[in-house]
Amino acid sequence: MAAQVIIPKAFLLFLLIAAFAVVSAQDSESMAPAPAPGMEAGAGFSLPVSGAMVGFSLVVSLLGFLKH
């Protein structure tokens, strides 16, 4: 008896979720997307560490790789 009641409730819940998804999709289409922010000048290759530190790390890794 309980299964006979749960199935219609689950179906109604599914229909409500589907209806809400359709309404939400229609609302989001009418809104224009926000414009992309402008790029910062000179920030293309900014590193939080110095180039010497990166180069040193690469050399040590290469030496360790060749020695192994």
Protein backbone atom coordinates (compact mmCIF):
# COMPACT_ATOMS: atom_id res chain seq x y z
CA MET A 1 0.00 0.00 0.00
CA ALA A 2 2.80 2.40 0.86
CA ALA A 3 4.52 1.87 -2.50
CA GLN A 4 1.31 2.77 -4.31
CA VAL A 5 1.28 6.16 -2.58
CA ILE A 6 5.01 6.90 -2.95
CA ILE A 7 5.12 6.41 -6.74
CA PRO A 8 2.50 9.12 -7.56
CA LYS A 9 4.17 11.51 -5.09
CA ALA A 10 7.56 10.90 -6.70
CA PHE A 11 6.04 11.44 -10.14
CA LEU A 12 4.47 14.74 -9.03
CA LEU A 13 7.79 15.83 -7.54
CA PHE A 14 9.51 15.00 -10.83
CA LEU A 15 6.93 17.04 -12.76
CA LEU A 16 7.38 20.03 -10.44
CA ILE A 17 11.17 19.89 -10.81
CA ALA A 18 10.88 19.61 -14.59
CA ALA A 19 8.47 22.56 -14.75
CA PHE A 20 10.78 24.65 -12.59
CA ALA A 21 13.74 23.78 -14.83
CA VAL A 22 11.83 24.86 -17.94
CA VAL A 23 10.80 28.17 -16.38
CA SER A 24 14.35 28.82 -15.14
CA ALA A 25 15.79 28.09 -18.58
CA GLN A 26 13.42 30.55 -20.22
CA ASP A 27 14.25 33.25 -17.67
CA SER A 28 17.99 32.86 -18.13
CA GLU A 29 17.73 33.16 -21.93
CA SER A 30 16.11 36.58 -21.75
CA MET A 31 18.86 38.02 -19.56
CA ALA A 32 21.93 39.33 -21.37
CA PRO A 33 25.24 37.94 -20.13
CA ALA A 34 27.62 40.27 -18.38
CA PRO A 35 30.46 41.61 -20.51
CA ALA A 36 33.87 40.09 -20.02
CA PRO A 37 36.23 42.15 -17.85
CA GLY A 38 39.11 43.89 -19.59
CA MET A 39 42.53 42.34 -19.41
CA GLU A 40 45.13 43.85 -17.15
CA ALA A 41 47.97 45.40 -19.11
CA GLY A 42 51.25 43.57 -18.59
CA ALA A 43 49.79 40.78 -16.45
CA GLY A 44 50.21 38.04 -19.06
CA PHE A 45 53.40 36.52 -17.67
CA SER A 46 53.44 37.66 -14.09
CA LEU A 47 54.89 34.96 -11.83
CA PRO A 48 54.62 34.90 -8.05
CA VAL A 49 58.24 33.66 -7.95
CA SER A 50 61.30 34.90 -9.78
CA GLY A 51 62.49 33.44 -13.06
CA ALA A 52 65.79 32.48 -11.45
CA MET A 53 63.96 30.30 -8.92
CA VAL A 54 62.01 28.53 -11.68
CA GLY A 55 65.17 28.04 -13.76
CA PHE A 56 67.09 26.67 -10.77
CA SER A 57 64.27 24.24 -10.03
CA LEU A 58 64.26 23.02 -13.63
CA VAL A 59 68.05 22.51 -13.65
CA VAL A 60 67.99 20.58 -10.36
CA SER A 61 65.10 18.43 -11.61
CA LEU A 62 66.92 17.70 -14.86
CA LEU A 63 70.12 16.74 -12.99
CA GLY A 64 68.16 14.47 -10.68
CA PHE A 65 66.41 12.86 -13.65
CA LEU A 66 69.69 12.24 -15.48
CA LYS A 67 71.46 10.91 -12.37
CA HIS A 68 68.69 8.42 -11.57
